[in-house]
Amino acid sequence: MVTERSATVERDTMETQIRVKIDLDGTGISRFKIGVPFLEHMLDQVARHGMIDIDIDATGDNHIDDHHTVEDIGITLGMAFSKAVGNKKGLTRYGHAYVPLDEALSRVVIDFSGRPGLYNRVVYPRHHVGNFDTELFHEFFQGFVNHANVTLHIDCLEGRNTHHIAETVFKAFGRALRMAVSRDERMDDLIPSTKGSL
């Protein structure tokens, strides 16, 4: 189903070729052909818990490493969100979520402010989950923030297991997105800012 809050964005560089399609009013359906299995697992959490349909095709220079692919997916996904929220009339704008997984607990707070800002306070006990380099999570979120034009705070409050920490972050990211992009019926055709623009 295609709604007015859908977007398709393509990004083609010397390093990556990426197509992202999202529907903010979806049912949490995801399809990924990325070639980075752990990132696919994390993005599935965003779709499922955000109730956002996400479809991503990506080809990158993974024979070097996953850096460009992960970062450019963040960029392209951010561009898609920026396009899908449009002029932001009737948007809730703010979203937050706390998500636990066993010993891990993370909090994500997002503001579709029109101003990019990432405050990522997550320390991963291990540098890798399987073959995935946990440093790349920061690159993904930085790319997203810069191109979605959002302020994003990510905090891990508790955690020992790297997989658990990452999963709580992405689930909380999905839940916070779901809240922020939802429609506020009381705002109707208003932009959620005293400035009158975002």
N, C-alpha and C. Protein backbone atom coordinates (compact mmCIF):
# COMPACT_ATOMS: atom_id res chain seq x y z
N MET A 1 0.84 -1.19 0.00
CA MET A 1 0.00 0.00 0.00
C MET A 1 0.89 1.25 0.00
N VAL A 2 0.54 2.21 -0.81
CA VAL A 2 1.29 3.46 -0.87
C VAL A 2 0.43 4.57 -0.28
N THR A 3 0.98 5.31 0.65
CA THR A 3 0.26 6.42 1.26
C THR A 3 0.96 7.72 0.93
N GLU A 4 0.34 8.82 1.32
CA GLU A 4 0.97 10.13 1.06
C GLU A 4 2.23 10.31 1.90
N ARG A 5 2.42 9.45 2.90
CA ARG A 5 3.61 9.54 3.75
C ARG A 5 4.59 8.42 3.41
N SER A 6 4.75 8.19 2.13
CA SER A 6 5.71 7.22 1.61
C SER A 6 6.81 7.97 0.89
N ALA A 7 7.95 7.31 0.75
CA ALA A 7 9.05 7.92 -0.01
C ALA A 7 9.95 6.83 -0.57
N THR A 8 10.46 7.09 -1.75
CA THR A 8 11.49 6.24 -2.35
C THR A 8 12.66 7.14 -2.71
N VAL A 9 13.85 6.75 -2.26
CA VAL A 9 15.05 7.55 -2.51
C VAL A 9 16.15 6.62 -3.03
N GLU A 10 16.87 7.08 -4.04
CA GLU A 10 18.01 6.34 -4.56
C GLU A 10 19.27 7.17 -4.40
N ARG A 11 20.35 6.50 -4.04
CA ARG A 11 21.65 7.17 -3.89
C ARG A 11 22.68 6.31 -4.62
N ASP A 12 23.37 6.92 -5.55
CA ASP A 12 24.32 6.19 -6.40
C ASP A 12 25.67 6.91 -6.35
N THR A 13 26.67 6.23 -5.77
CA THR A 13 28.01 6.81 -5.69
C THR A 13 29.02 5.82 -6.26
N MET A 14 30.29 6.20 -6.24
CA MET A 14 31.35 5.29 -6.68
C MET A 14 31.53 4.12 -5.72
N GLU A 15 30.98 4.27 -4.50
CA GLU A 15 31.16 3.24 -3.47
C GLU A 15 29.92 2.39 -3.23
N THR A 16 28.74 2.99 -3.38
CA THR A 16 27.50 2.27 -3.09
C THR A 16 26.38 2.66 -4.06
N GLN A 17 25.46 1.74 -4.25
CA GLN A 17 24.22 2.01 -4.97
C GLN A 17 23.08 1.55 -4.05
N ILE A 18 22.25 2.49 -3.63
CA ILE A 18 21.25 2.19 -2.60
C ILE A 18 19.88 2.72 -3.03
N ARG A 19 18.85 1.90 -2.81
CA ARG A 19 17.47 2.32 -2.98
C ARG A 19 16.71 2.02 -1.69
N VAL A 20 16.07 3.03 -1.13
CA VAL A 20 15.29 2.89 0.09
C VAL A 20 13.86 3.30 -0.19
N LYS A 21 12.93 2.47 0.25
CA LYS A 21 11.50 2.80 0.14
C LYS A 21 10.90 2.63 1.53
N ILE A 22 10.17 3.65 2.01
CA ILE A 22 9.52 3.56 3.32
C ILE A 22 8.07 4.02 3.24
N ASP A 23 7.28 3.51 4.17
CA ASP A 23 5.90 3.95 4.35
C ASP A 23 5.70 4.15 5.84
N LEU A 24 5.53 5.42 6.26
CA LEU A 24 5.39 5.73 7.68
C LEU A 24 4.11 5.18 8.27
N ASP A 25 3.12 4.90 7.44
CA ASP A 25 1.84 4.37 7.91
C ASP A 25 1.70 2.89 7.56
N GLY A 26 2.80 2.20 7.62
CA GLY A 26 2.83 0.79 7.26
C GLY A 26 2.44 -0.13 8.40
N THR A 27 2.82 -1.39 8.24
CA THR A 27 2.48 -2.42 9.24
C THR A 27 3.73 -3.13 9.77
N GLY A 28 4.90 -2.54 9.51
CA GLY A 28 6.13 -3.13 10.03
C GLY A 28 6.75 -4.17 9.12
N ILE A 29 6.37 -4.16 7.84
CA ILE A 29 6.93 -5.11 6.88
C ILE A 29 8.32 -4.64 6.45
N SER A 30 9.26 -5.56 6.39
CA SER A 30 10.60 -5.19 5.95
C SER A 30 11.12 -6.16 4.90
N ARG A 31 11.94 -5.61 3.99
CA ARG A 31 12.64 -6.44 3.01
C ARG A 31 14.01 -5.80 2.79
N PHE A 32 15.04 -6.60 2.99
CA PHE A 32 16.39 -6.08 2.88
C PHE A 32 17.24 -6.96 1.97
N LYS A 33 17.97 -6.32 1.09
CA LYS A 33 19.01 -6.99 0.30
C LYS A 33 20.22 -6.08 0.40
N ILE A 34 20.94 -6.24 1.51
CA ILE A 34 22.00 -5.31 1.88
C ILE A 34 23.38 -5.97 1.84
N GLY A 35 23.44 -7.22 2.27
CA GLY A 35 24.72 -7.92 2.33
C GLY A 35 25.47 -7.70 3.63
N VAL A 36 24.79 -7.10 4.63
CA VAL A 36 25.35 -6.92 5.96
C VAL A 36 24.32 -7.51 6.93
N PRO A 37 24.41 -8.81 7.24
CA PRO A 37 23.34 -9.49 7.96
C PRO A 37 22.96 -8.87 9.31
N PHE A 38 23.94 -8.44 10.10
CA PHE A 38 23.57 -7.91 11.41
C PHE A 38 22.84 -6.57 11.28
N LEU A 39 23.21 -5.75 10.32
CA LEU A 39 22.47 -4.50 10.08
C LEU A 39 21.05 -4.82 9.63
N GLU A 40 20.88 -5.82 8.80
CA GLU A 40 19.53 -6.23 8.38
C GLU A 40 18.70 -6.63 9.60
N HIS A 41 19.32 -7.37 10.51
CA HIS A 41 18.63 -7.79 11.74
C HIS A 41 18.21 -6.57 12.56
N MET A 42 19.07 -5.57 12.66
CA MET A 42 18.75 -4.37 13.42
C MET A 42 17.67 -3.54 12.74
N LEU A 43 17.75 -3.39 11.42
CA LEU A 43 16.74 -2.62 10.70
C LEU A 43 15.38 -3.29 10.72
N ASP A 44 15.38 -4.60 10.81
CA ASP A 44 14.11 -5.32 10.97
C ASP A 44 13.43 -4.93 12.28
N GLN A 45 14.24 -4.68 13.32
CA GLN A 45 13.68 -4.22 14.60
C GLN A 45 13.03 -2.84 14.44
N VAL A 46 13.68 -1.96 13.67
CA VAL A 46 13.14 -0.62 13.45
C VAL A 46 11.79 -0.71 12.75
N ALA A 47 11.72 -1.51 11.69
CA ALA A 47 10.47 -1.66 10.94
C ALA A 47 9.37 -2.24 11.84
N ARG A 48 9.70 -3.33 12.51
CA ARG A 48 8.70 -4.05 13.30
C ARG A 48 8.18 -3.22 14.46
N HIS A 49 9.09 -2.61 15.21
CA HIS A 49 8.67 -1.86 16.39
C HIS A 49 8.24 -0.44 16.05
N GLY A 50 8.65 0.05 14.88
CA GLY A 50 8.21 1.37 14.44
C GLY A 50 6.93 1.34 13.63
N MET A 51 6.48 0.13 13.25
CA MET A 51 5.31 -0.02 12.37
C MET A 51 5.50 0.80 11.10
N ILE A 52 6.72 0.74 10.59
CA ILE A 52 7.10 1.44 9.37
C ILE A 52 7.55 0.39 8.36
N ASP A 53 6.98 0.42 7.16
CA ASP A 53 7.44 -0.49 6.11
C ASP A 53 8.76 0.04 5.57
N ILE A 54 9.76 -0.84 5.51
CA ILE A 54 11.08 -0.45 5.03
C ILE A 54 11.57 -1.49 4.02
N ASP A 55 11.97 -1.02 2.85
CA ASP A 55 12.47 -1.87 1.77
C ASP A 55 13.79 -1.27 1.31
N ILE A 56 14.88 -2.03 1.44
CA ILE A 56 16.20 -1.50 1.09
C ILE A 56 16.96 -2.49 0.20
N ASP A 57 17.43 -1.98 -0.93
CA ASP A 57 18.37 -2.70 -1.78
C ASP A 57 19.68 -1.93 -1.74
N ALA A 58 20.77 -2.62 -1.48
CA ALA A 58 22.07 -1.94 -1.43
C ALA A 58 23.17 -2.83 -2.00
N THR A 59 24.00 -2.21 -2.80
CA THR A 59 25.22 -2.85 -3.28
C THR A 59 26.37 -1.93 -2.91
N GLY A 60 27.37 -2.48 -2.24
CA GLY A 60 28.49 -1.64 -1.81
C GLY A 60 29.81 -2.35 -1.94
N ASP A 61 30.86 -1.64 -1.57
CA ASP A 61 32.21 -2.20 -1.66
C ASP A 61 32.55 -2.98 -0.38
N ASN A 62 31.70 -3.97 -0.10
CA ASN A 62 31.88 -4.77 1.12
C ASN A 62 33.14 -5.63 1.08
N HIS A 63 33.72 -5.78 -0.09
CA HIS A 63 35.00 -6.52 -0.17
C HIS A 63 36.10 -5.73 0.53
N ILE A 64 35.91 -4.40 0.68
CA ILE A 64 36.86 -3.59 1.45
C ILE A 64 36.48 -3.69 2.92
N ASP A 65 35.31 -3.18 3.27
CA ASP A 65 34.65 -3.43 4.55
C ASP A 65 33.23 -2.89 4.44
N ASP A 66 32.48 -2.93 5.52
CA ASP A 66 31.07 -2.55 5.47
C ASP A 66 30.82 -1.06 5.71
N HIS A 67 31.89 -0.30 5.93
CA HIS A 67 31.75 1.09 6.35
C HIS A 67 30.87 1.91 5.40
N HIS A 68 31.21 1.93 4.12
CA HIS A 68 30.49 2.78 3.17
C HIS A 68 29.03 2.34 3.04
N THR A 69 28.79 1.04 3.03
CA THR A 69 27.42 0.54 2.89
C THR A 69 26.57 0.95 4.08
N VAL A 70 27.09 0.76 5.29
CA VAL A 70 26.33 1.08 6.50
C VAL A 70 26.06 2.58 6.59
N GLU A 71 27.10 3.38 6.37
CA GLU A 71 26.94 4.83 6.45
C GLU A 71 25.96 5.34 5.40
N ASP A 72 26.09 4.84 4.16
CA ASP A 72 25.24 5.33 3.08
C ASP A 72 23.80 4.87 3.21
N ILE A 73 23.58 3.72 3.85
CA ILE A 73 22.20 3.32 4.16
C ILE A 73 21.61 4.29 5.17
N GLY A 74 22.38 4.68 6.17
CA GLY A 74 21.90 5.68 7.13
C GLY A 74 21.55 6.98 6.44
N ILE A 75 22.40 7.42 5.52
CA ILE A 75 22.16 8.65 4.77
C ILE A 75 20.87 8.55 3.96
N THR A 76 20.74 7.46 3.21
CA THR A 76 19.59 7.31 2.30
C THR A 76 18.30 7.12 3.08
N LEU A 77 18.35 6.39 4.18
CA LEU A 77 17.17 6.23 5.02
C LEU A 77 16.76 7.58 5.62
N GLY A 78 17.74 8.38 6.03
CA GLY A 78 17.44 9.71 6.53
C GLY A 78 16.78 10.58 5.48
N MET A 79 17.28 10.52 4.24
CA MET A 79 16.68 11.27 3.14
C MET A 79 15.24 10.84 2.92
N ALA A 80 14.97 9.54 3.03
CA ALA A 80 13.62 9.03 2.83
C ALA A 80 12.67 9.53 3.92
N PHE A 81 13.15 9.55 5.16
CA PHE A 81 12.30 10.06 6.26
C PHE A 81 12.02 11.55 6.06
N SER A 82 13.03 12.31 5.68
CA SER A 82 12.83 13.73 5.45
C SER A 82 11.77 13.98 4.38
N LYS A 83 11.82 13.19 3.33
CA LYS A 83 10.85 13.32 2.23
C LYS A 83 9.46 12.88 2.68
N ALA A 84 9.37 11.79 3.44
CA ALA A 84 8.08 11.23 3.83
C ALA A 84 7.32 12.11 4.82
N VAL A 85 8.02 12.81 5.71
CA VAL A 85 7.31 13.67 6.68
C VAL A 85 6.87 14.97 6.04
N GLY A 86 7.41 15.29 4.88
CA GLY A 86 6.96 16.47 4.14
C GLY A 86 7.13 17.76 4.91
N ASN A 87 6.06 18.57 4.93
CA ASN A 87 6.15 19.87 5.62
C ASN A 87 5.94 19.77 7.13
N LYS A 88 5.69 18.55 7.61
CA LYS A 88 5.58 18.24 9.04
C LYS A 88 4.29 18.76 9.69
N LYS A 89 3.32 19.21 8.89
CA LYS A 89 2.05 19.62 9.46
C LYS A 89 1.37 18.42 10.12
N GLY A 90 0.87 18.63 11.33
CA GLY A 90 0.16 17.57 12.05
C GLY A 90 1.06 16.50 12.64
N LEU A 91 2.37 16.69 12.54
CA LEU A 91 3.33 15.70 13.04
C LEU A 91 3.46 15.80 14.56
N THR A 92 3.53 14.67 15.24
CA THR A 92 3.77 14.70 16.68
C THR A 92 5.13 15.35 16.97
N ARG A 93 6.11 15.10 16.12
CA ARG A 93 7.45 15.69 16.14
C ARG A 93 8.41 15.00 17.10
N TYR A 94 8.03 14.85 18.37
CA TYR A 94 8.91 14.26 19.36
C TYR A 94 8.56 12.78 19.59
N GLY A 95 9.58 11.98 19.86
CA GLY A 95 9.34 10.59 20.22
C GLY A 95 10.40 10.10 21.17
N HIS A 96 10.02 9.18 22.04
CA HIS A 96 10.98 8.62 22.98
C HIS A 96 10.58 7.19 23.31
N ALA A 97 11.56 6.41 23.71
CA ALA A 97 11.29 5.03 24.12
C ALA A 97 12.41 4.49 24.98
N TYR A 98 12.02 3.70 25.97
CA TYR A 98 12.94 2.89 26.75
C TYR A 98 12.67 1.44 26.36
N VAL A 99 13.72 0.69 26.06
CA VAL A 99 13.54 -0.72 25.71
C VAL A 99 14.55 -1.58 26.46
N PRO A 100 14.07 -2.59 27.19
CA PRO A 100 14.97 -3.54 27.85
C PRO A 100 15.12 -4.82 27.03
N LEU A 101 16.20 -5.50 27.21
CA LEU A 101 16.38 -6.87 26.73
C LEU A 101 17.31 -7.55 27.74
N ASP A 102 16.72 -8.37 28.59
CA ASP A 102 17.47 -8.99 29.67
C ASP A 102 18.20 -7.93 30.49
N GLU A 103 19.54 -7.97 30.52
CA GLU A 103 20.28 -7.04 31.39
C GLU A 103 20.47 -5.65 30.75
N ALA A 104 20.16 -5.53 29.46
CA ALA A 104 20.40 -4.28 28.73
C ALA A 104 19.17 -3.39 28.75
N LEU A 105 19.40 -2.09 28.81
CA LEU A 105 18.32 -1.10 28.79
C LEU A 105 18.83 0.14 28.06
N SER A 106 18.10 0.54 27.02
CA SER A 106 18.49 1.73 26.26
C SER A 106 17.33 2.69 26.13
N ARG A 107 17.69 3.96 25.96
CA ARG A 107 16.70 5.04 25.79
C ARG A 107 17.06 5.80 24.52
N VAL A 108 16.04 6.05 23.70
CA VAL A 108 16.22 6.86 22.49
C VAL A 108 15.17 7.96 22.50
N VAL A 109 15.63 9.19 22.24
CA VAL A 109 14.74 10.35 22.15
C VAL A 109 15.04 11.06 20.84
N ILE A 110 13.97 11.39 20.08
CA ILE A 110 14.15 12.00 18.76
C ILE A 110 13.25 13.22 18.62
N ASP A 111 13.74 14.19 17.88
CA ASP A 111 13.00 15.42 17.59
C ASP A 111 13.18 15.73 16.11
N PHE A 112 12.08 15.76 15.36
CA PHE A 112 12.13 16.15 13.96
C PHE A 112 12.20 17.67 13.88
N SER A 113 13.30 18.19 14.36
CA SER A 113 13.49 19.62 14.61
C SER A 113 13.90 20.40 13.38
N GLY A 114 14.39 19.71 12.34
CA GLY A 114 14.98 20.40 11.20
C GLY A 114 16.45 20.72 11.42
N ARG A 115 16.97 20.35 12.60
CA ARG A 115 18.37 20.60 12.93
C ARG A 115 19.06 19.28 13.25
N PRO A 116 20.10 18.91 12.48
CA PRO A 116 20.77 17.65 12.76
C PRO A 116 21.65 17.71 14.00
N GLY A 117 21.49 16.74 14.87
CA GLY A 117 22.33 16.63 16.06
C GLY A 117 22.28 15.21 16.60
N LEU A 118 23.44 14.59 16.75
CA LEU A 118 23.52 13.22 17.28
C LEU A 118 24.27 13.23 18.60
N TYR A 119 23.66 12.67 19.63
CA TYR A 119 24.27 12.54 20.96
C TYR A 119 24.19 11.06 21.31
N ASN A 120 25.23 10.34 20.94
CA ASN A 120 25.26 8.88 21.00
C ASN A 120 26.17 8.45 22.15
N ARG A 121 25.55 8.07 23.26
CA ARG A 121 26.31 7.69 24.44
C ARG A 121 26.14 6.18 24.70
N VAL A 122 26.67 5.40 23.78
CA VAL A 122 26.59 3.95 23.89
C VAL A 122 28.01 3.39 23.78
N VAL A 123 28.38 2.60 24.76
CA VAL A 123 29.67 1.92 24.74
C VAL A 123 29.41 0.43 24.59
N TYR A 124 29.95 -0.15 23.53
CA TYR A 124 29.76 -1.58 23.29
C TYR A 124 30.93 -2.35 23.89
N PRO A 125 30.65 -3.36 24.72
CA PRO A 125 31.73 -4.12 25.36
C PRO A 125 32.66 -4.82 24.36
N ARG A 126 32.11 -5.22 23.21
CA ARG A 126 32.93 -5.88 22.19
C ARG A 126 32.93 -5.03 20.93
N HIS A 127 34.00 -5.14 20.16
CA HIS A 127 34.14 -4.36 18.93
C HIS A 127 33.39 -5.00 17.76
N HIS A 128 33.01 -6.26 17.90
CA HIS A 128 32.30 -6.94 16.82
C HIS A 128 31.16 -7.79 17.37
N VAL A 129 30.08 -7.86 16.59
CA VAL A 129 29.04 -8.86 16.79
C VAL A 129 29.09 -9.72 15.53
N GLY A 130 29.54 -10.94 15.67
CA GLY A 130 29.83 -11.73 14.48
C GLY A 130 30.90 -11.00 13.68
N ASN A 131 30.61 -10.70 12.41
CA ASN A 131 31.55 -9.96 11.57
C ASN A 131 31.27 -8.46 11.54
N PHE A 132 30.25 -8.02 12.28
CA PHE A 132 29.85 -6.61 12.21
C PHE A 132 30.66 -5.77 13.19
N ASP A 133 31.24 -4.68 12.69
CA ASP A 133 32.03 -3.75 13.49
C ASP A 133 31.09 -2.77 14.19
N THR A 134 31.06 -2.80 15.52
CA THR A 134 30.11 -1.98 16.26
C THR A 134 30.38 -0.48 16.13
N GLU A 135 31.57 -0.08 15.70
CA GLU A 135 31.84 1.35 15.43
C GLU A 135 30.92 1.89 14.34
N LEU A 136 30.45 1.01 13.47
CA LEU A 136 29.63 1.44 12.34
C LEU A 136 28.23 1.88 12.75
N PHE A 137 27.79 1.50 13.95
CA PHE A 137 26.48 1.99 14.41
C PHE A 137 26.48 3.52 14.47
N HIS A 138 27.58 4.09 14.96
CA HIS A 138 27.65 5.55 15.03
C HIS A 138 27.59 6.16 13.63
N GLU A 139 28.27 5.55 12.67
CA GLU A 139 28.26 6.06 11.30
C GLU A 139 26.85 5.99 10.70
N PHE A 140 26.13 4.91 10.99
CA PHE A 140 24.76 4.78 10.51
C PHE A 140 23.88 5.91 11.06
N PHE A 141 23.94 6.10 12.38
CA PHE A 141 23.08 7.12 12.99
C PHE A 141 23.50 8.53 12.59
N GLN A 142 24.80 8.77 12.42
CA GLN A 142 25.24 10.10 11.98
C GLN A 142 24.72 10.40 10.58
N GLY A 143 24.79 9.41 9.70
CA GLY A 143 24.25 9.59 8.36
C GLY A 143 22.75 9.85 8.38
N PHE A 144 22.04 9.10 9.20
CA PHE A 144 20.58 9.28 9.31
C PHE A 144 20.25 10.68 9.81
N VAL A 145 20.88 11.09 10.90
CA VAL A 145 20.60 12.39 11.53
C VAL A 145 20.88 13.54 10.56
N ASN A 146 22.01 13.48 9.87
CA ASN A 146 22.40 14.56 8.97
C ASN A 146 21.42 14.77 7.84
N HIS A 147 20.76 13.69 7.40
CA HIS A 147 19.90 13.79 6.22
C HIS A 147 18.41 13.73 6.54
N ALA A 148 18.05 13.26 7.73
CA ALA A 148 16.65 13.38 8.18
C ALA A 148 16.43 14.72 8.87
N ASN A 149 17.53 15.40 9.21
CA ASN A 149 17.47 16.68 9.94
C ASN A 149 16.72 16.53 11.26
N VAL A 150 17.19 15.59 12.06
CA VAL A 150 16.60 15.34 13.37
C VAL A 150 17.66 15.48 14.46
N THR A 151 17.20 15.75 15.66
CA THR A 151 18.04 15.66 16.85
C THR A 151 17.79 14.29 17.46
N LEU A 152 18.86 13.55 17.74
CA LEU A 152 18.73 12.17 18.21
C LEU A 152 19.64 11.94 19.40
N HIS A 153 19.05 11.55 20.52
CA HIS A 153 19.80 11.18 21.72
C HIS A 153 19.67 9.67 21.92
N ILE A 154 20.80 8.99 22.05
CA ILE A 154 20.81 7.55 22.27
C ILE A 154 21.66 7.28 23.51
N ASP A 155 21.06 6.61 24.50
CA ASP A 155 21.76 6.28 25.73
C ASP A 155 21.55 4.82 26.08
N CYS A 156 22.64 4.12 26.35
CA CYS A 156 22.53 2.79 26.95
C CYS A 156 22.66 2.98 28.46
N LEU A 157 21.62 2.63 29.18
CA LEU A 157 21.59 2.84 30.63
C LEU A 157 22.16 1.65 31.40
N GLU A 158 22.02 0.46 30.82
CA GLU A 158 22.55 -0.76 31.43
C GLU A 158 22.90 -1.73 30.31
N GLY A 159 23.85 -2.61 30.55
CA GLY A 159 24.11 -3.65 29.58
C GLY A 159 25.51 -4.21 29.65
N ARG A 160 25.61 -5.50 29.40
CA ARG A 160 26.90 -6.20 29.35
C ARG A 160 27.09 -6.92 28.02
N ASN A 161 25.98 -7.37 27.43
CA ASN A 161 26.04 -8.15 26.20
C ASN A 161 25.89 -7.22 24.99
N THR A 162 26.88 -7.23 24.11
CA THR A 162 26.90 -6.30 22.98
C THR A 162 25.69 -6.48 22.06
N HIS A 163 25.32 -7.71 21.78
CA HIS A 163 24.15 -7.97 20.94
C HIS A 163 22.89 -7.40 21.60
N HIS A 164 22.72 -7.64 22.90
CA HIS A 164 21.56 -7.12 23.61
C HIS A 164 21.51 -5.59 23.58
N ILE A 165 22.66 -4.96 23.80
CA ILE A 165 22.71 -3.50 23.79
C ILE A 165 22.28 -2.96 22.42
N ALA A 166 22.88 -3.51 21.35
CA ALA A 166 22.53 -3.04 20.01
C ALA A 166 21.04 -3.23 19.73
N GLU A 167 20.51 -4.36 20.13
CA GLU A 167 19.09 -4.63 19.86
C GLU A 167 18.18 -3.68 20.63
N THR A 168 18.53 -3.35 21.87
CA THR A 168 17.70 -2.40 22.61
C THR A 168 17.76 -1.01 21.97
N VAL A 169 18.93 -0.63 21.46
CA VAL A 169 19.07 0.67 20.80
C VAL A 169 18.17 0.74 19.57
N PHE A 170 18.21 -0.26 18.73
CA PHE A 170 17.44 -0.22 17.48
C PHE A 170 15.94 -0.40 17.72
N LYS A 171 15.57 -1.22 18.70
CA LYS A 171 14.15 -1.32 19.03
C LYS A 171 13.63 0.00 19.58
N ALA A 172 14.41 0.63 20.44
CA ALA A 172 14.00 1.93 21.00
C ALA A 172 13.96 2.99 19.91
N PHE A 173 14.90 2.93 18.96
CA PHE A 173 14.89 3.85 17.83
C PHE A 173 13.60 3.69 17.03
N GLY A 174 13.20 2.46 16.78
CA GLY A 174 11.95 2.21 16.06
C GLY A 174 10.74 2.74 16.80
N ARG A 175 10.69 2.47 18.11
CA ARG A 175 9.55 2.94 18.91
C ARG A 175 9.50 4.46 18.98
N ALA A 176 10.67 5.10 19.11
CA ALA A 176 10.71 6.57 19.16
C ALA A 176 10.29 7.17 17.82
N LEU A 177 10.74 6.57 16.71
CA LEU A 177 10.31 7.02 15.39
C LEU A 177 8.81 6.90 15.24
N ARG A 178 8.27 5.77 15.68
CA ARG A 178 6.83 5.55 15.56
C ARG A 178 6.04 6.66 16.25
N MET A 179 6.48 7.05 17.44
CA MET A 179 5.80 8.12 18.17
C MET A 179 5.98 9.46 17.45
N ALA A 180 7.20 9.76 17.04
CA ALA A 180 7.50 11.08 16.47
C ALA A 180 6.80 11.32 15.14
N VAL A 181 6.68 10.29 14.30
CA VAL A 181 6.09 10.50 12.97
C VAL A 181 4.58 10.28 12.97
N SER A 182 4.01 9.92 14.12
CA SER A 182 2.56 9.73 14.17
C SER A 182 1.85 11.07 14.01
N ARG A 183 0.63 11.02 13.56
CA ARG A 183 -0.17 12.23 13.39
C ARG A 183 -0.78 12.64 14.72
N ASP A 184 -0.75 13.93 14.99
CA ASP A 184 -1.38 14.51 16.17
C ASP A 184 -2.66 15.20 15.70
N GLU A 185 -3.82 14.57 15.98
CA GLU A 185 -5.08 15.09 15.47
C GLU A 185 -5.38 16.50 15.98
N ARG A 186 -4.90 16.82 17.17
CA ARG A 186 -5.15 18.15 17.72
C ARG A 186 -4.35 19.23 17.00
N MET A 187 -3.22 18.81 16.39
CA MET A 187 -2.41 19.77 15.63
C MET A 187 -2.97 19.97 14.22
N ASP A 188 -3.65 18.94 13.71
CA ASP A 188 -4.30 18.99 12.41
C ASP A 188 -3.36 19.54 11.34
N ASP A 189 -3.61 20.72 10.83
CA ASP A 189 -2.78 21.30 9.77
C ASP A 189 -1.72 22.25 10.29
N LEU A 190 -1.43 22.17 11.57
CA LEU A 190 -0.44 23.07 12.16
C LEU A 190 0.95 22.43 12.14
N ILE A 191 1.96 23.25 12.02
CA ILE A 191 3.34 22.79 12.16
C ILE A 191 3.69 22.85 13.63
N PRO A 192 4.22 21.76 14.21
CA PRO A 192 4.45 21.71 15.66
C PRO A 192 5.66 22.52 16.12
N SER A 193 5.56 23.83 15.98
CA SER A 193 6.63 24.73 16.40
C SER A 193 6.06 26.12 16.60
N THR A 194 6.52 26.83 17.64
CA THR A 194 6.08 28.20 17.84
C THR A 194 6.63 29.13 16.76
N LYS A 195 7.66 28.66 16.04
CA LYS A 195 8.22 29.45 14.92
C LYS A 195 7.31 29.42 13.70
N GLY A 196 6.47 28.37 13.63
CA GLY A 196 5.62 28.19 12.45
C GLY A 196 6.32 27.47 11.31
N SER A 197 7.55 27.00 11.56
CA SER A 197 8.26 26.23 10.54
C SER A 197 9.30 25.35 11.23
N LEU A 198 9.63 24.25 10.56
CA LEU A 198 10.65 23.34 11.06
C LEU A 198 11.61 23.02 9.91
